[in-house]
C-alpha atoms as a PDB file:
ATOM      1  CA  MET A   1     -40.474  80.884-134.135  1.00  0.00           C
ATOM      2  CA  CYS A   2     -39.128  83.192-135.978  1.00  0.00           C
ATOM      3  CA  HIS A   3     -37.694  81.854-139.853  1.00  0.00           C
ATOM      4  CA  ASP A   4     -38.518  78.244-141.685  1.00  0.00           C
ATOM      5  CA  ASP A   5     -35.293  77.037-144.415  1.00  0.00           C
ATOM      6  CA  ASP A   6     -36.435  79.439-147.008  1.00  0.00           C
ATOM      7  CA  SER A   7     -36.090  82.986-145.093  1.00  0.00           C
ATOM      8  CA  ARG A   8     -32.945  85.349-145.610  1.00  0.00           C
ATOM      9  CA  PRO A   9     -31.899  88.163-144.669  1.00  0.00           C
ATOM     10  CA  PRO A  10     -32.049  91.480-146.513  1.00  0.00           C
ATOM     11  CA  SER A  11     -29.210  92.865-147.926  1.00  0.00           C
ATOM     12  CA  PRO A  12     -27.662  95.942-146.465  1.00  0.00           C
ATOM     13  CA  PRO A  13     -27.120  98.768-147.638  1.00  0.00           C
ATOM     14  CA  ARG A  14     -23.368  98.408-149.144  1.00  0.00           C
ATOM     15  CA  VAL A  15     -22.601  95.401-149.611  1.00  0.00           C
ATOM     16  CA  GLY A  16     -19.208  94.893-148.961  1.00  0.00           C
ATOM     17  CA  GLU A  17     -16.850  91.803-150.236  1.00  0.00           C
ATOM     18  CA  VAL A  18     -16.252  88.975-147.851  1.00  0.00           C
ATOM     19  CA  ALA A  19     -12.774  87.086-147.292  1.00  0.00           C
ATOM     20  CA  SER A  20     -13.863  84.092-145.297  1.00  0.00           C
ATOM     21  CA  HIS A  21     -17.114  82.274-144.545  1.00  0.00           C
ATOM     22  CA  GLY A  22     -17.948  78.807-142.741  1.00  0.00           C
ATOM     23  CA  LEU A  23     -18.411  76.639-139.780  1.00  0.00           C
ATOM     24  CA  LEU A  24     -15.903  76.583-137.371  1.00  0.00           C
ATOM     25  CA  THR A  25     -16.275  74.763-133.482  1.00  0.00           C
ATOM     26  CA  LEU A  26     -15.556  77.273-130.278  1.00  0.00           C
ATOM     27  CA  THR A  27     -14.269  75.658-126.782  1.00  0.00           C
ATOM     28  CA  GLY A  28     -15.385  78.559-123.751  1.00  0.00           C
ATOM     29  CA  SER A  29     -12.977  78.588-121.562  1.00  0.00           C
ATOM     30  CA  ASP A  30     -15.017  76.176-119.418  1.00  0.00           C
ATOM     31  CA  GLY A  31     -14.836  73.980-121.771  1.00  0.00           C
ATOM     32  CA  VAL A  32     -17.984  73.383-123.316  1.00  0.00           C
ATOM     33  CA  SER A  33     -17.965  72.971-127.553  1.00  0.00           C
ATOM     34  CA  PHE A  34     -20.652  74.781-129.481  1.00  0.00           C
ATOM     35  CA  ALA A  35     -21.126  74.895-133.333  1.00  0.00           C
ATOM     36  CA  ALA A  36     -21.067  78.483-134.922  1.00  0.00           C
ATOM     37  CA  TYR A  37     -20.702  80.313-138.124  1.00  0.00           C
ATOM     38  CA  ALA A  38     -18.571  82.750-138.586  1.00  0.00           C
ATOM     39  CA  ALA A  39     -17.903  85.685-141.288  1.00  0.00           C
ATOM     40  CA  GLU A  40     -15.138  87.956-142.028  1.00  0.00           C
ATOM     41  CA  PRO A  41     -14.499  91.607-144.589  1.00  0.00           C
ATOM     42  CA  ALA A  42     -13.403  92.070-147.401  1.00  0.00           C
ATOM     43  CA  GLU A  43     -11.718  95.468-145.615  1.00  0.00           C
ATOM     44  CA  PRO A  44     -10.032  95.427-142.655  1.00  0.00           C
ATOM     45  CA  SER A  45     -12.193  96.485-139.744  1.00  0.00           C
ATOM     46  CA  LYS A  46     -12.480  97.188-135.661  1.00  0.00           C
ATOM     47  CA  ILE A  47     -16.564  96.356-135.837  1.00  0.00           C
ATOM     48  CA  GLY A  48     -18.137  92.560-134.416  1.00  0.00           C
ATOM     49  CA  PHE A  49     -21.478  91.392-134.160  1.00  0.00           C
ATOM     50  CA  VAL A  50     -22.331  88.180-131.815  1.00  0.00           C
ATOM     51  CA  ILE A  51     -25.598  87.534-133.792  1.00  0.00           C
ATOM     52  CA  LEU A  52     -28.071  85.655-131.221  1.00  0.00           C
ATOM     53  CA  PRO A  53     -30.124  83.885-133.297  1.00  0.00           C
ATOM     54  CA  ASP A  54     -33.958  82.235-132.282  1.00  0.00           C
ATOM     55  CA  VAL A  55     -35.157  79.580-129.870  1.00  0.00           C
ATOM     56  CA  ARG A  56     -33.806  76.870-132.643  1.00  0.00           C
ATOM     57  CA  GLY A  57     -30.345  78.023-132.326  1.00  0.00           C
ATOM     58  CA  LEU A  58     -28.260  77.392-135.504  1.00  0.00           C
ATOM     59  CA  HIS A  59     -30.343  77.174-138.248  1.00  0.00           C
ATOM     60  CA  PRO A  60     -29.753  78.463-141.858  1.00  0.00           C
ATOM     61  CA  TYR A  61     -31.021  81.900-141.107  1.00  0.00           C
ATOM     62  CA  TYR A  62     -28.875  83.056-138.717  1.00  0.00           C
ATOM     63  CA  GLU A  63     -25.592  81.547-141.541  1.00  0.00           C
ATOM     64  CA  GLN A  64     -26.249  83.900-143.916  1.00  0.00           C
ATOM     65  CA  LEU A  65     -26.771  86.752-141.195  1.00  0.00           C
ATOM     66  CA  ALA A  66     -23.730  86.234-140.218  1.00  0.00           C
ATOM     67  CA  ILE A  67     -22.908  87.103-144.127  1.00  0.00           C
ATOM     68  CA  ARG A  68     -24.815  90.118-144.684  1.00  0.00           C
ATOM     69  CA  PHE A  69     -23.138  91.443-141.215  1.00  0.00           C
ATOM     70  CA  ALA A  70     -19.636  90.512-143.483  1.00  0.00           C
ATOM     71  CA  GLU A  71     -21.119  92.679-145.852  1.00  0.00           C
ATOM     72  CA  ALA A  72     -21.775  95.310-144.120  1.00  0.00           C
ATOM     73  CA  GLY A  73     -18.048  95.856-143.189  1.00  0.00           C
ATOM     74  CA  PHE A  74     -18.563  93.794-139.462  1.00  0.00           C
ATOM     75  CA  HIS A  75     -16.620  91.064-138.494  1.00  0.00           C
ATOM     76  CA  SER A  76     -19.808  88.148-137.338  1.00  0.00           C
ATOM     77  CA  VAL A  77     -20.362  85.372-136.051  1.00  0.00           C
ATOM     78  CA  ALA A  78     -23.133  83.655-135.097  1.00  0.00           C
ATOM     79  CA  MET A  79     -23.713  80.838-131.930  1.00  0.00           C
ATOM     80  CA  ASP A  80     -25.474  78.168-130.937  1.00  0.00           C
ATOM     81  CA  TYR A  81     -26.868  77.806-127.913  1.00  0.00           C
ATOM     82  CA  PHE A  82     -27.494  73.768-127.412  1.00  0.00           C
ATOM     83  CA  GLY A  83     -22.874  72.891-127.160  1.00  0.00           C
ATOM     84  CA  ARG A  84     -23.991  71.543-123.332  1.00  0.00           C
ATOM     85  CA  THR A  85     -27.478  69.673-123.648  1.00  0.00           C
ATOM     86  CA  LEU A  86     -26.711  67.986-127.804  1.00  0.00           C
ATOM     87  CA  GLY A  87     -23.712  68.938-128.578  1.00  0.00           C
ATOM     88  CA  VAL A  88     -22.302  70.426-131.373  1.00  0.00           C
ATOM     89  CA  GLY A  89     -24.239  70.723-134.580  1.00  0.00           C
ATOM     90  CA  GLN A  90     -26.691  72.849-137.125  1.00  0.00           C
ATOM     91  CA  ARG A  91     -30.319  72.890-137.239  1.00  0.00           C
ATOM     92  CA  ASP A  92     -32.904  72.884-139.117  1.00  0.00           C
ATOM     93  CA  ASP A  93     -36.688  73.746-139.463  1.00  0.00           C
ATOM     94  CA  ASP A  94     -37.187  69.691-138.405  1.00  0.00           C
ATOM     95  CA  PHE A  95     -34.822  70.508-134.333  1.00  0.00           C
ATOM     96  CA  ASP A  96     -37.210  69.984-131.863  1.00  0.00           C
ATOM     97  CA  TRP A  97     -36.414  73.272-129.513  1.00  0.00           C
ATOM     98  CA  GLN A  98     -39.249  73.048-127.247  1.00  0.00           C
ATOM     99  CA  SER A  99     -37.571  70.661-125.764  1.00  0.00           C
ATOM    100  CA  GLU A 100     -34.707  71.815-125.792  1.00  0.00           C
ATOM    101  CA  ILE A 101     -34.900  75.657-125.510  1.00  0.00           C
ATOM    102  CA  GLY A 102     -35.883  75.696-121.028  1.00  0.00           C
ATOM    103  CA  LYS A 103     -32.602  74.433-120.198  1.00  0.00           C
ATOM    104  CA  VAL A 104     -30.935  77.565-122.025  1.00  0.00           C
ATOM    105  CA  LYS A 105     -30.085  79.769-118.993  1.00  0.00           C
ATOM    106  CA  PRO A 106     -28.951  83.150-119.467  1.00  0.00           C
ATOM    107  CA  GLU A 107     -24.864  82.472-117.143  1.00  0.00           C
ATOM    108  CA  TYR A 108     -24.513  80.085-120.618  1.00  0.00           C
ATOM    109  CA  VAL A 109     -25.516  82.879-123.375  1.00  0.00           C
ATOM    110  CA  VAL A 110     -23.536  84.664-121.100  1.00  0.00           C
ATOM    111  CA  ALA A 111     -20.596  82.441-121.389  1.00  0.00           C
ATOM    112  CA  ASP A 112     -21.061  81.343-125.499  1.00  0.00           C
ATOM    113  CA  ALA A 113     -21.043  84.723-126.431  1.00  0.00           C
ATOM    114  CA  ALA A 114     -18.468  85.528-124.072  1.00  0.00           C
ATOM    115  CA  THR A 115     -16.840  82.866-126.119  1.00  0.00           C
ATOM    116  CA  SER A 116     -17.713  84.563-130.046  1.00  0.00           C
ATOM    117  CA  ALA A 117     -16.462  88.380-128.713  1.00  0.00           C
ATOM    118  CA  ALA A 118     -13.150  86.325-128.386  1.00  0.00           C
ATOM    119  CA  ARG A 119     -13.191  84.953-132.000  1.00  0.00           C
ATOM    120  CA  LEU A 120     -14.668  88.917-132.788  1.00  0.00           C
ATOM    121  CA  ARG A 121     -11.760  90.000-131.668  1.00  0.00           C
ATOM    122  CA  ALA A 122      -9.350  87.109-132.562  1.00  0.00           C
ATOM    123  CA  ALA A 123     -10.186  88.905-135.904  1.00  0.00           C
ATOM    124  CA  GLY A 124      -9.392  91.924-135.483  1.00  0.00           C
ATOM    125  CA  ALA A 125     -12.315  93.944-134.239  1.00  0.00           C
ATOM    126  CA  GLU A 126     -11.840  96.105-131.035  1.00  0.00           C
ATOM    127  CA  HIS A 127     -15.779  96.620-130.249  1.00  0.00           C
ATOM    128  CA  ILE A 128     -18.043  93.971-129.852  1.00  0.00           C
ATOM    129  CA  PHE A 129     -22.002  94.758-130.606  1.00  0.00           C
ATOM    130  CA  THR A 130     -24.787  92.280-129.741  1.00  0.00           C
ATOM    131  CA  VAL A 131     -27.129  92.011-132.101  1.00  0.00           C
ATOM    132  CA  GLY A 132     -30.479  88.854-130.804  1.00  0.00           C
ATOM    133  CA  PHE A 133     -33.548  87.150-132.356  1.00  0.00           C
ATOM    134  CA  CYS A 134     -36.771  86.288-130.907  1.00  0.00           C
ATOM    135  CA  PHE A 135     -35.011  83.877-127.539  1.00  0.00           C
ATOM    136  CA  GLY A 136     -31.946  86.050-129.429  1.00  0.00           C
ATOM    137  CA  GLY A 137     -33.622  89.628-129.058  1.00  0.00           C
ATOM    138  CA  SER A 138     -33.979  89.135-125.229  1.00  0.00           C
ATOM    139  CA  GLN A 139     -30.426  87.740-124.366  1.00  0.00           C
ATOM    140  CA  SER A 140     -28.879  90.646-126.415  1.00  0.00           C
ATOM    141  CA  TRP A 141     -30.540  93.661-124.892  1.00  0.00           C
ATOM    142  CA  ARG A 142     -30.018  91.180-120.873  1.00  0.00           C
ATOM    143  CA  LEU A 143     -26.114  91.136-121.698  1.00  0.00           C
ATOM    144  CA  SER A 144     -26.293  94.696-121.670  1.00  0.00           C
ATOM    145  CA  ALA A 145     -26.908  94.469-118.383  1.00  0.00           C
ATOM    146  CA  SER A 146     -23.702  91.605-118.110  1.00  0.00           C
ATOM    147  CA  ASP A 147     -19.975  92.293-117.145  1.00  0.00           C
ATOM    148  CA  LEU A 148     -19.083  90.913-120.842  1.00  0.00           C
ATOM    149  CA  ASP A 149     -16.873  94.384-122.675  1.00  0.00           C
ATOM    150  CA  LEU A 150     -19.683  95.489-125.299  1.00  0.00           C
ATOM    151  CA  THR A 151     -19.567  99.192-126.479  1.00  0.00           C
ATOM    152  CA  GLY A 152     -24.143  98.123-127.183  1.00  0.00           C
ATOM    153  CA  CYS A 153     -26.983  95.695-127.580  1.00  0.00           C
ATOM    154  CA  VAL A 154     -28.416  95.099-130.557  1.00  0.00           C
ATOM    155  CA  GLY A 155     -32.570  93.169-130.316  1.00  0.00           C
ATOM    156  CA  PHE A 156     -35.696  92.271-132.696  1.00  0.00           C
ATOM    157  CA  TYR A 157     -38.345  90.804-131.631  1.00  0.00           C
ATOM    158  CA  GLY A 158     -37.103  90.619-127.573  1.00  0.00           C
ATOM    159  CA  ARG A 159     -39.367  89.898-124.539  1.00  0.00           C
ATOM    160  CA  PRO A 160     -39.119  92.896-121.856  1.00  0.00           C
ATOM    161  CA  SER A 161     -40.452  90.478-119.843  1.00  0.00           C
ATOM    162  CA  LEU A 162     -36.719  88.605-120.142  1.00  0.00           C
ATOM    163  CA  VAL A 163     -35.328  91.567-119.572  1.00  0.00           C
ATOM    164  CA  ALA A 164     -37.059  92.379-115.558  1.00  0.00           C
ATOM    165  CA  ASP A 165     -34.725  90.689-113.853  1.00  0.00           C
ATOM    166  CA  VAL A 166     -31.358  92.729-114.785  1.00  0.00           C
ATOM    167  CA  GLU A 167     -32.802  95.780-116.005  1.00  0.00           C
ATOM    168  CA  ALA A 168     -32.298  97.918-112.962  1.00  0.00           C
ATOM    169  CA  ASP A 169     -28.388  96.450-113.816  1.00  0.00           C
ATOM    170  CA  ILE A 170     -28.314  97.398-118.001  1.00  0.00           C
ATOM    171  CA  HIS A 171     -25.666  99.073-118.941  1.00  0.00           C
ATOM    172  CA  HIS A 172     -24.555  99.181-122.242  1.00  0.00           C
ATOM    173  CA  PRO A 173     -26.945 101.271-125.044  1.00  0.00           C
ATOM    174  CA  VAL A 174     -29.368  99.168-125.980  1.00  0.00           C
ATOM    175  CA  LEU A 175     -31.003  99.130-129.472  1.00  0.00           C
ATOM    176  CA  LEU A 176     -34.831  98.470-129.372  1.00  0.00           C
ATOM    177  CA  LEU A 177     -36.459  97.410-133.088  1.00  0.00           C
ATOM    178  CA  VAL A 178     -39.397  96.417-132.424  1.00  0.00           C
ATOM    179  CA  ALA A 179     -41.840  94.527-134.815  1.00  0.00           C
ATOM    180  CA  GLY A 180     -45.548  96.782-134.511  1.00  0.00           C
ATOM    181  CA  ALA A 181     -47.684  93.583-134.341  1.00  0.00           C
ATOM    182  CA  ASP A 182     -45.574  91.113-132.513  1.00  0.00           C
ATOM    183  CA  GLY A 183     -47.608  88.294-130.248  1.00  0.00           C
ATOM    184  CA  THR A 184     -45.827  91.053-127.130  1.00  0.00           C
ATOM    185  CA  PRO A 185     -47.797  93.701-126.791  1.00  0.00           C
ATOM    186  CA  GLN A 186     -47.180  97.158-128.157  1.00  0.00           C
ATOM    187  CA  GLN A 187     -47.440  98.247-124.289  1.00  0.00           C
ATOM    188  CA  ASP A 188     -44.273  96.353-123.194  1.00  0.00           C
ATOM    189  CA  PHE A 189     -42.082  98.621-124.869  1.00  0.00           C
ATOM    190  CA  ILE A 190     -43.453 101.071-124.870  1.00  0.00           C
ATOM    191  CA  ASP A 191     -43.564 101.160-120.596  1.00  0.00           C
ATOM    192  CA  PHE A 192     -39.948  99.336-121.420  1.00  0.00           C
ATOM    193  CA  ASP A 193     -38.651 102.607-122.802  1.00  0.00           C
ATOM    194  CA  GLN A 194     -40.370 104.978-120.394  1.00  0.00           C
ATOM    195  CA  ARG A 195     -38.174 102.667-117.264  1.00  0.00           C
ATOM    196  CA  LEU A 196     -35.349 102.856-119.358  1.00  0.00           C
ATOM    197  CA  ASP A 197     -35.522 106.977-119.829  1.00  0.00           C
ATOM    198  CA  ALA A 198     -36.225 107.884-116.370  1.00  0.00           C
ATOM    199  CA  ALA A 199     -33.185 104.935-115.176  1.00  0.00           C
ATOM    200  CA  GLY A 200     -31.367 107.292-117.318  1.00  0.00           C
ATOM    201  CA  LYS A 201     -30.331 104.465-119.733  1.00  0.00           C
ATOM    202  CA  ASP A 202     -28.881 104.972-122.927  1.00  0.00           C
ATOM    203  CA  HIS A 203     -31.223 103.264-125.299  1.00  0.00           C
ATOM    204  CA  THR A 204     -33.127 103.534-128.782  1.00  0.00           C
ATOM    205  CA  MET A 205     -37.060 101.948-130.135  1.00  0.00           C
ATOM    206  CA  GLN A 206     -37.727 102.493-133.123  1.00  0.00           C
ATOM    207  CA  ILE A 207     -41.344 100.610-132.880  1.00  0.00           C
ATOM    208  CA  TYR A 208     -42.119  99.141-136.922  1.00  0.00           C
ATOM    209  CA  GLU A 209     -45.752  99.664-137.113  1.00  0.00           C
ATOM    210  CA  GLY A 210     -48.446  97.170-138.943  1.00  0.00           C
ATOM    211  CA  ALA A 211     -44.833  94.689-138.716  1.00  0.00           C
ATOM    212  CA  PRO A 212     -45.001  91.141-137.889  1.00  0.00           C
ATOM    213  CA  HIS A 213     -43.004  88.978-136.132  1.00  0.00           C
ATOM    214  CA  SER A 214     -39.687  88.127-138.744  1.00  0.00           C
ATOM    215  CA  PHE A 215     -40.669  91.175-140.434  1.00  0.00           C
ATOM    216  CA  PHE A 216     -36.361  91.063-141.134  1.00  0.00           C
ATOM    217  CA  ASP A 217     -36.993  88.550-143.947  1.00  0.00           C
ATOM    218  CA  ARG A 218     -36.138  90.158-147.300  1.00  0.00           C
ATOM    219  CA  SER A 219     -39.500  87.683-149.686  1.00  0.00           C
ATOM    220  CA  TYR A 220     -41.283  90.394-147.087  1.00  0.00           C
ATOM    221  CA  GLY A 221     -41.705  92.371-149.407  1.00  0.00           C
ATOM    222  CA  GLU A 222     -43.808  94.482-148.322  1.00  0.00           C
ATOM    223  CA  TRP A 223     -42.354  95.529-145.339  1.00  0.00           C
ATOM    224  CA  GLY A 224     -38.830  96.097-147.480  1.00  0.00           C
ATOM    225  CA  ALA A 225     -39.053  99.294-145.771  1.00  0.00           C
ATOM    226  CA  ALA A 226     -38.681  99.536-142.327  1.00  0.00           C
ATOM    227  CA  CYS A 227     -35.744  95.697-143.439  1.00  0.00           C
ATOM    228  CA  ALA A 228     -33.799  98.710-145.243  1.00  0.00           C
ATOM    229  CA  ASP A 229     -34.835 101.427-142.152  1.00  0.00           C
ATOM    230  CA  ALA A 230     -33.342  98.867-138.939  1.00  0.00           C
ATOM    231  CA  TRP A 231     -30.360  98.277-141.156  1.00  0.00           C
ATOM    232  CA  GLN A 232     -29.746 101.660-140.981  1.00  0.00           C
ATOM    233  CA  GLN A 233     -30.732 102.221-137.191  1.00  0.00           C
ATOM    234  CA  ILE A 234     -28.421  99.379-136.821  1.00  0.00           C
ATOM    235  CA  ILE A 235     -25.282 100.902-138.949  1.00  0.00           C
ATOM    236  CA  GLY A 236     -26.411 104.343-137.332  1.00  0.00           C
ATOM    237  CA  PHE A 237     -25.958 102.569-133.859  1.00  0.00           C
ATOM    238  CA  THR A 238     -22.669 101.738-133.840  1.00  0.00           C
ATOM    239  CA  GLU A 239     -20.949 105.286-136.189  1.00  0.00           C
ATOM    240  CA  ARG A 240     -22.547 106.592-132.497  1.00  0.00           C
ATOM    241  CA  LEU A 241     -21.258 104.426-130.479  1.00  0.00           C
ATOM    242  CA  ALA A 242     -17.497 103.606-132.067  1.00  0.00           C
ATOM    243  CA  PRO A 243     -17.641 106.852-134.615  1.00  0.00           C
ATOM    244  CA  SER A 244     -14.062 106.000-135.263  1.00  0.00           C
ATOM    245  CA  ALA A 245     -14.575 102.086-136.410  1.00  0.00           C
ATOM    246  CA  ALA A 246     -17.541 102.789-137.996  1.00  0.00           C
ATOM    247  CA  ALA A 247     -17.197 101.211-140.936  1.00  0.00           C
ATOM    248  CA  VAL A 248     -19.936 101.664-143.558  1.00  0.00           C
END
């Protein structure tokens, strides 16, 4: 897992006003309800992010991250994975994710991401991005092969092996933000990057040499520069893919 209850995401390069933020329950077209945390920027924005957490689902870190994205000028919704098996709820450090995460199927992530994206569109977003961490990083990259109407997919600490079965179908732009000292061998990412190059896929990879898994945490002072660059990578990704709508 990535972050504990004391972890907090780093601030974006420009911290704007947040109009609102808080918990909500979303219900998809399949009737499944799940917990989410939404945050809205004070300034009008046409860009929204679906936030895909790590294995614990809607953990406090990701609620704070939704606020950080709103501060950056983006609509945001952080979603929980466990509505089908555990019902609507938040997840803290005591959550037994090991017994639940195996029940989360990729098609469930697609369905709940679609519901989250619809919430963003209702708030005014026209360009929808996904951003995920650890398990969510892999799922975000997988969504680049889905039929969802997405502008781009960002992933931290994902595993290329979890994308292999849909790799050939990737058609949305991808941003890979890689911790150089992650548990996944760096060569796996290099090979993934080379395969995407050979296949002509729109993608960018940034490796943060020496950075640990879960480096995107303001308590890791020594990785402040990596956190700042990761924010710039995300913002640059939105500016390239939605130039008329970029908020920062």
